[in-house]
């Protein structure tokens, strides 16, 4: 059982930066893959970035590659998403995700944090 709480969303102008945080609690997620997804109004939830907790391996969606950086703080059980050079199309609710990577095991989701990028 893992609980995820996002924070750090807000309103920012295009070209600006935000850092999202996802605080995780519960059983050990040392074998999990943690990630960020986002969902804009009227659109499907889409993958943004992920990080493997065990070794820090990262993977990014093409749309954010070079602008966003996912990282983890092991001591704080926290995953971050540093978002630089934000664009209006980045506007969405951002959700933290935990994937146990075990067959039949459900994903865990946070409640989301709103990111709005104005032009």
PDB file of N, CA and C in Angstrom:
ATOM      1  N   UNK A   1       0.829  -1.178   0.000  1.00  0.00           N
ATOM      2  CA  UNK A   1       0.000   0.000   0.000  1.00  0.00           C
ATOM      3  C   UNK A   1       0.879   1.250   0.000  1.00  0.00           C
ATOM      4  N   UNK A   2       0.631   2.118  -0.963  1.00  0.00           N
ATOM      5  CA  UNK A   2       1.396   3.348  -1.101  1.00  0.00           C
ATOM      6  C   UNK A   2       0.431   4.516  -1.238  1.00  0.00           C
ATOM      7  N   UNK A   3       0.704   5.569  -0.506  1.00  0.00           N
ATOM      8  CA  UNK A   3      -0.054   6.804  -0.629  1.00  0.00           C
ATOM      9  C   UNK A   3       0.840   7.872  -1.240  1.00  0.00           C
ATOM     10  N   UNK A   4       0.274   8.644  -2.151  1.00  0.00           N
ATOM     11  CA  UNK A   4       1.018   9.654  -2.879  1.00  0.00           C
ATOM     12  C   UNK A   4       0.321  11.000  -2.749  1.00  0.00           C
ATOM     13  N   UNK A   5       1.083  12.024  -2.434  1.00  0.00           N
ATOM     14  CA  UNK A   5       0.543  13.365  -2.290  1.00  0.00           C
ATOM     15  C   UNK A   5       1.399  14.327  -3.094  1.00  0.00           C
ATOM     16  N   UNK A   6       0.783  14.964  -4.089  1.00  0.00           N
ATOM     17  CA  UNK A   6       1.494  15.921  -4.927  1.00  0.00           C
ATOM     18  C   UNK A   6       1.382  17.329  -4.361  1.00  0.00           C
ATOM     19  N   UNK A   7       2.366  18.132  -4.684  1.00  0.00           N
ATOM     20  CA  UNK A   7       2.337  19.544  -4.342  1.00  0.00           C
ATOM     21  C   UNK A   7       3.238  20.296  -5.311  1.00  0.00           C
ATOM     22  N   UNK A   8       3.125  21.606  -5.305  1.00  0.00           N
ATOM     23  CA  UNK A   8       4.007  22.439  -6.099  1.00  0.00           C
ATOM     24  C   UNK A   8       3.394  23.028  -7.349  1.00  0.00           C
ATOM     25  N   UNK A   9       2.174  22.660  -7.650  1.00  0.00           N
ATOM     26  CA  UNK A   9       1.521  23.218  -8.817  1.00  0.00           C
ATOM     27  C   UNK A   9       1.175  24.682  -8.614  1.00  0.00           C
ATOM     28  N   UNK A  10       0.816  25.327  -9.701  1.00  0.00           N
ATOM     29  CA  UNK A  10       0.456  26.727  -9.627  1.00  0.00           C
ATOM     30  C   UNK A  10       0.384  27.358 -10.992  1.00  0.00           C
ATOM     31  N   UNK A  11       0.324  28.669 -10.992  1.00  0.00           N
ATOM     32  CA  UNK A  11       0.252  29.455 -12.215  1.00  0.00           C
ATOM     33  C   UNK A  11       1.615  30.046 -12.517  1.00  0.00           C
ATOM     34  N   UNK A  12       2.059  29.869 -13.746  1.00  0.00           N
ATOM     35  CA  UNK A  12       3.353  30.380 -14.155  1.00  0.00           C
ATOM     36  C   UNK A  12       3.264  30.866 -15.595  1.00  0.00           C
ATOM     37  N   UNK A  13       4.062  31.858 -15.922  1.00  0.00           N
ATOM     38  CA  UNK A  13       4.101  32.359 -17.282  1.00  0.00           C
ATOM     39  C   UNK A  13       4.941  31.450 -18.170  1.00  0.00           C
ATOM     40  N   UNK A  14       4.635  31.471 -19.456  1.00  0.00           N
ATOM     41  CA  UNK A  14       5.420  30.700 -20.406  1.00  0.00           C
ATOM     42  C   UNK A  14       6.896  31.044 -20.279  1.00  0.00           C
ATOM     43  N   UNK A  15       7.711  30.014 -20.307  1.00  0.00           N
ATOM     44  CA  UNK A  15       9.141  30.184 -20.125  1.00  0.00           C
ATOM     45  C   UNK A  15       9.597  30.045 -18.694  1.00  0.00           C
ATOM     46  N   UNK A  16       8.654  30.025 -17.779  1.00  0.00           N
ATOM     47  CA  UNK A  16       8.981  29.908 -16.375  1.00  0.00           C
ATOM     48  C   UNK A  16       9.188  28.473 -15.941  1.00  0.00           C
ATOM     49  N   UNK A  17       9.372  28.305 -14.645  1.00  0.00           N
ATOM     50  CA  UNK A  17       9.683  26.996 -14.081  1.00  0.00           C
ATOM     51  C   UNK A  17       8.827  26.707 -12.865  1.00  0.00           C
ATOM     52  N   UNK A  18       8.590  25.436 -12.644  1.00  0.00           N
ATOM     53  CA  UNK A  18       7.946  24.934 -11.446  1.00  0.00           C
ATOM     54  C   UNK A  18       8.600  23.618 -11.066  1.00  0.00           C
ATOM     55  N   UNK A  19       8.560  23.325  -9.785  1.00  0.00           N
ATOM     56  CA  UNK A  19       8.994  22.019  -9.320  1.00  0.00           C
ATOM     57  C   UNK A  19       7.871  21.349  -8.559  1.00  0.00           C
ATOM     58  N   UNK A  20       7.440  20.225  -9.071  1.00  0.00           N
ATOM     59  CA  UNK A  20       6.416  19.435  -8.420  1.00  0.00           C
ATOM     60  C   UNK A  20       7.052  18.414  -7.492  1.00  0.00           C
ATOM     61  N   UNK A  21       6.370  18.142  -6.406  1.00  0.00           N
ATOM     62  CA  UNK A  21       6.828  17.148  -5.453  1.00  0.00           C
ATOM     63  C   UNK A  21       5.762  16.084  -5.266  1.00  0.00           C
ATOM     64  N   UNK A  22       6.197  14.878  -5.059  1.00  0.00           N
ATOM     65  CA  UNK A  22       5.312  13.769  -4.756  1.00  0.00           C
ATOM     66  C   UNK A  22       5.866  13.048  -3.544  1.00  0.00           C
ATOM     67  N   UNK A  23       5.188  13.203  -2.431  1.00  0.00           N
ATOM     68  CA  UNK A  23       5.602  12.553  -1.198  1.00  0.00           C
ATOM     69  C   UNK A  23       4.924  11.200  -1.097  1.00  0.00           C
ATOM     70  N   UNK A  24       5.714  10.165  -0.940  1.00  0.00           N
ATOM     71  CA  UNK A  24       5.213   8.802  -0.888  1.00  0.00           C
ATOM     72  C   UNK A  24       5.321   8.249   0.521  1.00  0.00           C
ATOM     73  N   UNK A  25       4.335   7.477   0.892  1.00  0.00           N
ATOM     74  CA  UNK A  25       4.353   6.812   2.184  1.00  0.00           C
ATOM     75  C   UNK A  25       3.732   5.433   2.049  1.00  0.00           C
ATOM     76  N   UNK A  26       3.965   4.605   3.042  1.00  0.00           N
ATOM     77  CA  UNK A  26       3.447   3.252   3.017  1.00  0.00           C
ATOM     78  C   UNK A  26       4.571   2.232   2.996  1.00  0.00           C
ATOM     79  N   UNK A  27       4.273   1.091   2.434  1.00  0.00           N
ATOM     80  CA  UNK A  27       5.283   0.057   2.337  1.00  0.00           C
ATOM     81  C   UNK A  27       6.399   0.471   1.397  1.00  0.00           C
ATOM     82  N   UNK A  28       7.484  -0.234   1.507  1.00  0.00           N
ATOM     83  CA  UNK A  28       8.652   0.069   0.701  1.00  0.00           C
ATOM     84  C   UNK A  28       8.327  -0.005  -0.785  1.00  0.00           C
ATOM     85  N   UNK A  29       8.793   0.987  -1.504  1.00  0.00           N
ATOM     86  CA  UNK A  29       8.623   1.022  -2.948  1.00  0.00           C
ATOM     87  C   UNK A  29       9.975   0.987  -3.651  1.00  0.00           C
ATOM     88  N   UNK A  30      10.919   0.354  -3.023  1.00  0.00           N
ATOM     89  CA  UNK A  30      12.263   0.299  -3.572  1.00  0.00           C
ATOM     90  C   UNK A  30      12.332  -0.406  -4.915  1.00  0.00           C
ATOM     91  N   UNK A  31      11.369  -1.243  -5.206  1.00  0.00           N
ATOM     92  CA  UNK A  31      11.339  -1.942  -6.483  1.00  0.00           C
ATOM     93  C   UNK A  31      10.348  -1.318  -7.459  1.00  0.00           C
ATOM     94  N   UNK A  32       9.754  -0.216  -7.080  1.00  0.00           N
ATOM     95  CA  UNK A  32       8.740   0.438  -7.912  1.00  0.00           C
ATOM     96  C   UNK A  32       9.372   1.325  -8.972  1.00  0.00           C
ATOM     97  N   UNK A  33       8.566   1.622  -9.966  1.00  0.00           N
ATOM     98  CA  UNK A  33       8.838   2.723 -10.865  1.00  0.00           C
ATOM     99  C   UNK A  33       7.864   3.849 -10.532  1.00  0.00           C
ATOM    100  N   UNK A  34       8.397   5.033 -10.275  1.00  0.00           N
ATOM    101  CA  UNK A  34       7.593   6.192  -9.957  1.00  0.00           C
ATOM    102  C   UNK A  34       7.516   7.082 -11.188  1.00  0.00           C
ATOM    103  N   UNK A  35       6.390   7.758 -11.332  1.00  0.00           N
ATOM    104  CA  UNK A  35       6.257   8.572 -12.522  1.00  0.00           C
ATOM    105  C   UNK A  35       5.294   9.725 -12.367  1.00  0.00           C
ATOM    106  N   UNK A  36       5.274  10.533 -13.398  1.00  0.00           N
ATOM    107  CA  UNK A  36       4.350  11.646 -13.506  1.00  0.00           C
ATOM    108  C   UNK A  36       3.542  11.503 -14.783  1.00  0.00           C
ATOM    109  N   UNK A  37       2.258  11.709 -14.647  1.00  0.00           N
ATOM    110  CA  UNK A  37       1.336  11.785 -15.768  1.00  0.00           C
ATOM    111  C   UNK A  37       0.630  13.132 -15.702  1.00  0.00           C
ATOM    112  N   UNK A  38       0.012  13.509 -16.795  1.00  0.00           N
ATOM    113  CA  UNK A  38      -0.758  14.740 -16.795  1.00  0.00           C
ATOM    114  C   UNK A  38      -2.004  14.573 -17.644  1.00  0.00           C
ATOM    115  N   UNK A  39      -2.998  15.376 -17.330  1.00  0.00           N
ATOM    116  CA  UNK A  39      -4.251  15.320 -18.060  1.00  0.00           C
ATOM    117  C   UNK A  39      -4.801  16.728 -18.231  1.00  0.00           C
ATOM    118  N   UNK A  40      -4.917  17.137 -19.468  1.00  0.00           N
ATOM    119  CA  UNK A  40      -5.508  18.419 -19.801  1.00  0.00           C
ATOM    120  C   UNK A  40      -7.005  18.235 -20.025  1.00  0.00           C
ATOM    121  N   UNK A  41      -7.792  19.298 -19.874  1.00  0.00           N
ATOM    122  CA  UNK A  41      -9.238  19.183 -20.077  1.00  0.00           C
ATOM    123  C   UNK A  41      -9.582  18.618 -21.446  1.00  0.00           C
ATOM    124  N   UNK A  42     -10.443  17.612 -21.459  1.00  0.00           N
ATOM    125  CA  UNK A  42     -10.882  17.012 -22.697  1.00  0.00           C
ATOM    126  C   UNK A  42      -9.889  16.079 -23.346  1.00  0.00           C
ATOM    127  N   UNK A  43      -8.780  15.815 -22.687  1.00  0.00           N
ATOM    128  CA  UNK A  43      -7.763  14.953 -23.260  1.00  0.00           C
ATOM    129  C   UNK A  43      -7.498  13.750 -22.368  1.00  0.00           C
ATOM    130  N   UNK A  44      -6.869  12.761 -22.952  1.00  0.00           N
ATOM    131  CA  UNK A  44      -6.499  11.566 -22.210  1.00  0.00           C
ATOM    132  C   UNK A  44      -5.326  11.858 -21.291  1.00  0.00           C
ATOM    133  N   UNK A  45      -5.271  11.114 -20.218  1.00  0.00           N
ATOM    134  CA  UNK A  45      -4.114  11.218 -19.339  1.00  0.00           C
ATOM    135  C   UNK A  45      -2.888  10.676 -20.072  1.00  0.00           C
ATOM    136  N   UNK A  46      -1.808  11.422 -20.047  1.00  0.00           N
ATOM    137  CA  UNK A  46      -0.623  11.039 -20.786  1.00  0.00           C
ATOM    138  C   UNK A  46       0.600  10.947 -19.889  1.00  0.00           C
ATOM    139  N   UNK A  47       1.481  10.083 -20.286  1.00  0.00           N
ATOM    140  CA  UNK A  47       2.735   9.888 -19.575  1.00  0.00           C
ATOM    141  C   UNK A  47       3.652  11.078 -19.761  1.00  0.00           C
ATOM    142  N   UNK A  48       4.346  11.451 -18.701  1.00  0.00           N
ATOM    143  CA  UNK A  48       5.290  12.561 -18.744  1.00  0.00           C
ATOM    144  C   UNK A  48       6.718  12.074 -18.500  1.00  0.00           C
ATOM    145  N   UNK A  49       6.930  11.419 -17.375  1.00  0.00           N
ATOM    146  CA  UNK A  49       8.275  10.986 -17.011  1.00  0.00           C
ATOM    147  C   UNK A  49       8.190   9.904 -15.960  1.00  0.00           C
ATOM    148  N   UNK A  50       9.227   9.097 -15.873  1.00  0.00           N
ATOM    149  CA  UNK A  50       9.281   8.054 -14.860  1.00  0.00           C
ATOM    150  C   UNK A  50      10.702   7.888 -14.362  1.00  0.00           C
ATOM    151  N   UNK A  51      10.807   7.333 -13.183  1.00  0.00           N
ATOM    152  CA  UNK A  51      12.110   7.058 -12.596  1.00  0.00           C
ATOM    153  C   UNK A  51      12.042   5.744 -11.835  1.00  0.00           C
ATOM    154  N   UNK A  52      13.012   4.897 -12.075  1.00  0.00           N
ATOM    155  CA  UNK A  52      13.090   3.648 -11.354  1.00  0.00           C
ATOM    156  C   UNK A  52      13.746   3.913 -10.007  1.00  0.00           C
ATOM    157  N   UNK A  53      13.039   3.573  -8.939  1.00  0.00           N
ATOM    158  CA  UNK A  53      13.508   3.921  -7.617  1.00  0.00           C
ATOM    159  C   UNK A  53      14.843   3.276  -7.274  1.00  0.00           C
ATOM    160  N   UNK A  54      15.031   2.055  -7.743  1.00  0.00           N
ATOM    161  CA  UNK A  54      16.206   1.296  -7.340  1.00  0.00           C
ATOM    162  C   UNK A  54      17.520   1.918  -7.798  1.00  0.00           C
ATOM    163  N   UNK A  55      17.549   2.395  -9.030  1.00  0.00           N
ATOM    164  CA  UNK A  55      18.809   2.893  -9.564  1.00  0.00           C
ATOM    165  C   UNK A  55      18.723   4.277 -10.188  1.00  0.00           C
ATOM    166  N   UNK A  56      17.542   4.865 -10.197  1.00  0.00           N
ATOM    167  CA  UNK A  56      17.382   6.207 -10.709  1.00  0.00           C
ATOM    168  C   UNK A  56      17.275   6.320 -12.217  1.00  0.00           C
ATOM    169  N   UNK A  57      17.117   5.219 -12.900  1.00  0.00           N
ATOM    170  CA  UNK A  57      16.939   5.264 -14.346  1.00  0.00           C
ATOM    171  C   UNK A  57      15.706   6.083 -14.691  1.00  0.00           C
ATOM    172  N   UNK A  58      15.833   6.968 -15.665  1.00  0.00           N
ATOM    173  CA  UNK A  58      14.743   7.866 -16.030  1.00  0.00           C
ATOM    174  C   UNK A  58      14.320   7.677 -17.469  1.00  0.00           C
ATOM    175  N   UNK A  59      13.101   8.059 -17.726  1.00  0.00           N
ATOM    176  CA  UNK A  59      12.539   7.991 -19.064  1.00  0.00           C
ATOM    177  C   UNK A  59      11.553   9.126 -19.211  1.00  0.00           C
ATOM    178  N   UNK A  60      11.532   9.746 -20.398  1.00  0.00           N
ATOM    179  CA  UNK A  60      10.704  10.924 -20.624  1.00  0.00           C
ATOM    180  C   UNK A  60       9.878  10.816 -21.891  1.00  0.00           C
ATOM    181  N   UNK A  61       8.721  11.443 -21.852  1.00  0.00           N
ATOM    182  CA  UNK A  61       7.960  11.630 -23.067  1.00  0.00           C
ATOM    183  C   UNK A  61       8.693  12.614 -23.969  1.00  0.00           C
ATOM    184  N   UNK A  62       8.561  12.420 -25.264  1.00  0.00           N
ATOM    185  CA  UNK A  62       9.245  13.297 -26.204  1.00  0.00           C
ATOM    186  C   UNK A  62       8.855  14.764 -26.024  1.00  0.00           C
ATOM    187  N   UNK A  63       7.624  15.006 -25.632  1.00  0.00           N
ATOM    188  CA  UNK A  63       7.126  16.362 -25.523  1.00  0.00           C
ATOM    189  C   UNK A  63       7.805  17.179 -24.422  1.00  0.00           C
ATOM    190  N   UNK A  64       8.410  16.504 -23.459  1.00  0.00           N
ATOM    191  CA  UNK A  64       9.031  17.213 -22.343  1.00  0.00           C
ATOM    192  C   UNK A  64      10.531  16.987 -22.269  1.00  0.00           C
ATOM    193  N   UNK A  65      11.048  16.166 -23.126  1.00  0.00           N
ATOM    194  CA  UNK A  65      12.459  15.834 -23.101  1.00  0.00           C
ATOM    195  C   UNK A  65      13.309  17.090 -23.265  1.00  0.00           C
ATOM    196  N   UNK A  66      14.281  17.245 -22.396  1.00  0.00           N
ATOM    197  CA  UNK A  66      15.141  18.411 -22.423  1.00  0.00           C
ATOM    198  C   UNK A  66      14.631  19.575 -21.613  1.00  0.00           C
ATOM    199  N   UNK A  67      13.372  19.543 -21.220  1.00  0.00           N
ATOM    200  CA  UNK A  67      12.787  20.619 -20.423  1.00  0.00           C
ATOM    201  C   UNK A  67      12.462  20.185 -19.002  1.00  0.00           C
ATOM    202  N   UNK A  68      12.030  18.956 -18.860  1.00  0.00           N
ATOM    203  CA  UNK A  68      11.635  18.429 -17.552  1.00  0.00           C
ATOM    204  C   UNK A  68      12.691  17.455 -17.050  1.00  0.00           C
ATOM    205  N   UNK A  69      12.830  17.412 -15.740  1.00  0.00           N
ATOM    206  CA  UNK A  69      13.740  16.471 -15.111  1.00  0.00           C
ATOM    207  C   UNK A  69      13.050  15.811 -13.929  1.00  0.00           C
ATOM    208  N   UNK A  70      13.008  14.496 -13.943  1.00  0.00           N
ATOM    209  CA  UNK A  70      12.463  13.761 -12.817  1.00  0.00           C
ATOM    210  C   UNK A  70      13.608  13.290 -11.940  1.00  0.00           C
ATOM    211  N   UNK A  71      13.406  13.352 -10.646  1.00  0.00           N
ATOM    212  CA  UNK A  71      14.442  12.941  -9.713  1.00  0.00           C
ATOM    213  C   UNK A  71      13.799  12.394  -8.452  1.00  0.00           C
ATOM    214  N   UNK A  72      14.606  11.828  -7.588  1.00  0.00           N
ATOM    215  CA  UNK A  72      14.096  11.294  -6.341  1.00  0.00           C
ATOM    216  C   UNK A  72      15.025  11.661  -5.205  1.00  0.00           C
ATOM    217  N   UNK A  73      14.457  11.800  -4.039  1.00  0.00           N
ATOM    218  CA  UNK A  73      15.205  11.982  -2.807  1.00  0.00           C
ATOM    219  C   UNK A  73      14.889  10.770  -1.949  1.00  0.00           C
ATOM    220  N   UNK A  74      15.822   9.864  -1.866  1.00  0.00           N
ATOM    221  CA  UNK A  74      15.582   8.610  -1.175  1.00  0.00           C
ATOM    222  C   UNK A  74      15.278   8.837   0.302  1.00  0.00           C
ATOM    223  N   UNK A  75      16.026   9.716   0.930  1.00  0.00           N
ATOM    224  CA  UNK A  75      15.840   9.972   2.350  1.00  0.00           C
ATOM    225  C   UNK A  75      14.466  10.545   2.654  1.00  0.00           C
ATOM    226  N   UNK A  76      13.917  11.325   1.729  1.00  0.00           N
ATOM    227  CA  UNK A  76      12.628  11.967   1.939  1.00  0.00           C
ATOM    228  C   UNK A  76      11.462  11.209   1.312  1.00  0.00           C
ATOM    229  N   UNK A  77      11.743  10.087   0.671  1.00  0.00           N
ATOM    230  CA  UNK A  77      10.701   9.320  -0.015  1.00  0.00           C
ATOM    231  C   UNK A  77       9.878  10.201  -0.946  1.00  0.00           C
ATOM    232  N   UNK A  78      10.574  11.017  -1.691  1.00  0.00           N
ATOM    233  CA  UNK A  78       9.915  12.020  -2.508  1.00  0.00           C
ATOM    234  C   UNK A  78      10.443  11.983  -3.933  1.00  0.00           C
ATOM    235  N   UNK A  79       9.525  12.127  -4.867  1.00  0.00           N
ATOM    236  CA  UNK A  79       9.851  12.245  -6.283  1.00  0.00           C
ATOM    237  C   UNK A  79       9.553  13.665  -6.722  1.00  0.00           C
ATOM    238  N   UNK A  80      10.430  14.215  -7.524  1.00  0.00           N
ATOM    239  CA  UNK A  80      10.279  15.575  -8.004  1.00  0.00           C
ATOM    240  C   UNK A  80      10.152  15.595  -9.522  1.00  0.00           C
ATOM    241  N   UNK A  81       9.500  16.628  -9.997  1.00  0.00           N
ATOM    242  CA  UNK A  81       9.483  16.915 -11.411  1.00  0.00           C
ATOM    243  C   UNK A  81       9.837  18.380 -11.590  1.00  0.00           C
ATOM    244  N   UNK A  82      11.057  18.627 -12.000  1.00  0.00           N
ATOM    245  CA  UNK A  82      11.493  19.981 -12.294  1.00  0.00           C
ATOM    246  C   UNK A  82      11.080  20.321 -13.714  1.00  0.00           C
ATOM    247  N   UNK A  83      10.275  21.344 -13.862  1.00  0.00           N
ATOM    248  CA  UNK A  83       9.739  21.731 -15.152  1.00  0.00           C
ATOM    249  C   UNK A  83      10.283  23.103 -15.524  1.00  0.00           C
ATOM    250  N   UNK A  84      11.081  23.136 -16.561  1.00  0.00           N
ATOM    251  CA  UNK A  84      11.671  24.374 -17.046  1.00  0.00           C
ATOM    252  C   UNK A  84      11.130  24.712 -18.424  1.00  0.00           C
ATOM    253  N   UNK A  85      11.266  25.979 -18.779  1.00  0.00           N
ATOM    254  CA  UNK A  85      10.797  26.449 -20.083  1.00  0.00           C
ATOM    255  C   UNK A  85       9.375  25.977 -20.358  1.00  0.00           C
ATOM    256  N   UNK A  86       8.506  26.243 -19.419  1.00  0.00           N
ATOM    257  CA  UNK A  86       7.131  25.782 -19.533  1.00  0.00           C
ATOM    258  C   UNK A  86       6.406  26.458 -20.690  1.00  0.00           C
ATOM    259  N   UNK A  87       5.516  25.693 -21.294  1.00  0.00           N
ATOM    260  CA  UNK A  87       4.729  26.146 -22.420  1.00  0.00           C
ATOM    261  C   UNK A  87       3.243  26.045 -22.080  1.00  0.00           C
ATOM    262  N   UNK A  88       2.409  26.838 -22.742  1.00  0.00           N
ATOM    263  CA  UNK A  88       0.970  26.741 -22.469  1.00  0.00           C
ATOM    264  C   UNK A  88       0.425  25.328 -22.634  1.00  0.00           C
ATOM    265  N   UNK A  89       0.969  24.564 -23.551  1.00  0.00           N
ATOM    266  CA  UNK A  89       0.498  23.200 -23.747  1.00  0.00           C
ATOM    267  C   UNK A  89       0.868  22.260 -22.607  1.00  0.00           C
ATOM    268  N   UNK A  90       1.680  22.728 -21.676  1.00  0.00           N
ATOM    269  CA  UNK A  90       1.965  21.955 -20.478  1.00  0.00           C
ATOM    270  C   UNK A  90       0.863  22.074 -19.435  1.00  0.00           C
ATOM    271  N   UNK A  91      -0.078  22.963 -19.657  1.00  0.00           N
ATOM    272  CA  UNK A  91      -1.168  23.153 -18.719  1.00  0.00           C
ATOM    273  C   UNK A  91      -1.970  21.865 -18.563  1.00  0.00           C
ATOM    274  N   UNK A  92      -2.092  21.406 -17.335  1.00  0.00           N
ATOM    275  CA  UNK A  92      -2.782  20.152 -17.054  1.00  0.00           C
ATOM    276  C   UNK A  92      -2.788  19.917 -15.555  1.00  0.00           C
ATOM    277  N   UNK A  93      -3.549  18.927 -15.152  1.00  0.00           N
ATOM    278  CA  UNK A  93      -3.418  18.391 -13.810  1.00  0.00           C
ATOM    279  C   UNK A  93      -2.345  17.321 -13.851  1.00  0.00           C
ATOM    280  N   UNK A  94      -1.369  17.447 -13.003  1.00  0.00           N
ATOM    281  CA  UNK A  94      -0.257  16.512 -12.962  1.00  0.00           C
ATOM    282  C   UNK A  94      -0.457  15.525 -11.823  1.00  0.00           C
ATOM    283  N   UNK A  95      -0.318  14.250 -12.154  1.00  0.00           N
ATOM    284  CA  UNK A  95      -0.546  13.175 -11.201  1.00  0.00           C
ATOM    285  C   UNK A  95       0.724  12.381 -10.963  1.00  0.00           C
ATOM    286  N   UNK A  96       0.992  12.126  -9.726  1.00  0.00           N
ATOM    287  CA  UNK A  96       2.070  11.223  -9.359  1.00  0.00           C
ATOM    288  C   UNK A  96       1.578   9.789  -9.460  1.00  0.00           C
ATOM    289  N   UNK A  97       2.457   8.919  -9.862  1.00  0.00           N
ATOM    290  CA  UNK A  97       2.103   7.523 -10.090  1.00  0.00           C
ATOM    291  C   UNK A  97       3.158   6.604  -9.509  1.00  0.00           C
ATOM    292  N   UNK A  98       2.703   5.480  -8.981  1.00  0.00           N
ATOM    293  CA  UNK A  98       3.598   4.432  -8.512  1.00  0.00           C
ATOM    294  C   UNK A  98       3.193   3.119  -9.155  1.00  0.00           C
ATOM    295  N   UNK A  99       4.132   2.504  -9.837  1.00  0.00           N
ATOM    296  CA  UNK A  99       3.908   1.252 -10.542  1.00  0.00           C
ATOM    297  C   UNK A  99       4.728   0.161  -9.871  1.00  0.00           C
ATOM    298  N   UNK A 100       4.081  -0.771  -9.174  1.00  0.00           N
ATOM    299  CA  UNK A 100       4.834  -1.834  -8.500  1.00  0.00           C
ATOM    300  C   UNK A 100       5.571  -2.775  -9.437  1.00  0.00           C
ATOM    301  N   UNK A 101       5.159  -2.831 -10.683  1.00  0.00           N
ATOM    302  CA  UNK A 101       5.779  -3.700 -11.680  1.00  0.00           C
ATOM    303  C   UNK A 101       5.627  -5.175 -11.337  1.00  0.00           C
ATOM    304  N   UNK A 102       4.515  -5.510 -10.739  1.00  0.00           N
ATOM    305  CA  UNK A 102       4.184  -6.897 -10.464  1.00  0.00           C
ATOM    306  C   UNK A 102       2.861  -7.228 -11.141  1.00  0.00           C
ATOM    307  N   UNK A 103       2.785  -8.412 -11.687  1.00  0.00           N
ATOM    308  CA  UNK A 103       1.577  -8.838 -12.373  1.00  0.00           C
ATOM    309  C   UNK A 103       0.383  -8.827 -11.417  1.00  0.00           C
ATOM    310  N   UNK A 104      -0.696  -8.172 -11.831  1.00  0.00           N
ATOM    311  CA  UNK A 104      -1.904  -8.120 -11.036  1.00  0.00           C
ATOM    312  C   UNK A 104      -1.926  -7.048  -9.965  1.00  0.00           C
ATOM    313  N   UNK A 105      -0.832  -6.342  -9.800  1.00  0.00           N
ATOM    314  CA  UNK A 105      -0.777  -5.300  -8.786  1.00  0.00           C
ATOM    315  C   UNK A 105      -1.208  -3.969  -9.379  1.00  0.00           C
ATOM    316  N   UNK A 106      -2.134  -3.259  -8.730  1.00  0.00           N
ATOM    317  CA  UNK A 106      -2.620  -2.002  -9.289  1.00  0.00           C
ATOM    318  C   UNK A 106      -1.621  -0.869  -9.143  1.00  0.00           C
ATOM    319  N   UNK A 107      -1.754   0.088 -10.040  1.00  0.00           N
ATOM    320  CA  UNK A 107      -0.999   1.321  -9.904  1.00  0.00           C
ATOM    321  C   UNK A 107      -1.596   2.169  -8.795  1.00  0.00           C
ATOM    322  N   UNK A 108      -0.774   3.039  -8.227  1.00  0.00           N
ATOM    323  CA  UNK A 108      -1.212   4.004  -7.234  1.00  0.00           C
ATOM    324  C   UNK A 108      -1.119   5.399  -7.819  1.00  0.00           C
ATOM    325  N   UNK A 109      -2.067   6.241  -7.421  1.00  0.00           N
ATOM    326  CA  UNK A 109      -2.144   7.594  -7.939  1.00  0.00           C
ATOM    327  C   UNK A 109      -2.326   8.599  -6.825  1.00  0.00           C
ATOM    328  N   UNK A 110      -1.716   9.758  -7.003  1.00  0.00           N
ATOM    329  CA  UNK A 110      -2.026  10.887  -6.157  1.00  0.00           C
ATOM    330  C   UNK A 110      -3.281  11.580  -6.635  1.00  0.00           C
ATOM    331  N   UNK A 111      -3.685  12.614  -5.924  1.00  0.00           N
ATOM    332  CA  UNK A 111      -4.907  13.333  -6.260  1.00  0.00           C
ATOM    333  C   UNK A 111      -4.709  14.394  -7.328  1.00  0.00           C
ATOM    334  N   UNK A 112      -3.490  14.719  -7.624  1.00  0.00           N
ATOM    335  CA  UNK A 112      -3.193  15.649  -8.689  1.00  0.00           C
ATOM    336  C   UNK A 112      -2.923  17.056  -8.195  1.00  0.00           C
ATOM    337  N   UNK A 113      -2.146  17.780  -8.959  1.00  0.00           N
ATOM    338  CA  UNK A 113      -1.872  19.182  -8.694  1.00  0.00           C
ATOM    339  C   UNK A 113      -1.945  19.950 -10.010  1.00  0.00           C
ATOM    340  N   UNK A 114      -2.614  21.084  -9.974  1.00  0.00           N
ATOM    341  CA  UNK A 114      -2.868  21.851 -11.183  1.00  0.00           C
ATOM    342  C   UNK A 114      -1.654  22.684 -11.564  1.00  0.00           C
ATOM    343  N   UNK A 115      -1.282  22.589 -12.827  1.00  0.00           N
ATOM    344  CA  UNK A 115      -0.245  23.436 -13.406  1.00  0.00           C
ATOM    345  C   UNK A 115      -0.875  24.224 -14.541  1.00  0.00           C
ATOM    346  N   UNK A 116      -0.805  25.526 -14.447  1.00  0.00           N
ATOM    347  CA  UNK A 116      -1.353  26.389 -15.482  1.00  0.00           C
ATOM    348  C   UNK A 116      -0.248  27.303 -16.002  1.00  0.00           C
ATOM    349  N   UNK A 117      -0.036  27.260 -17.296  1.00  0.00           N
ATOM    350  CA  UNK A 117       0.999  28.064 -17.937  1.00  0.00           C
ATOM    351  C   UNK A 117       0.318  29.082 -18.829  1.00  0.00           C
ATOM    352  N   UNK A 118       0.508  30.331 -18.529  1.00  0.00           N
ATOM    353  CA  UNK A 118      -0.102  31.401 -19.297  1.00  0.00           C
ATOM    354  C   UNK A 118       0.859  31.903 -20.359  1.00  0.00           C
ATOM    355  N   UNK A 119       0.296  32.430 -21.431  1.00  0.00           N
ATOM    356  CA  UNK A 119       1.101  32.968 -22.516  1.00  0.00           C
ATOM    357  C   UNK A 119       1.345  34.452 -22.349  1.00  0.00           C
TER     358      UNK A 119
END
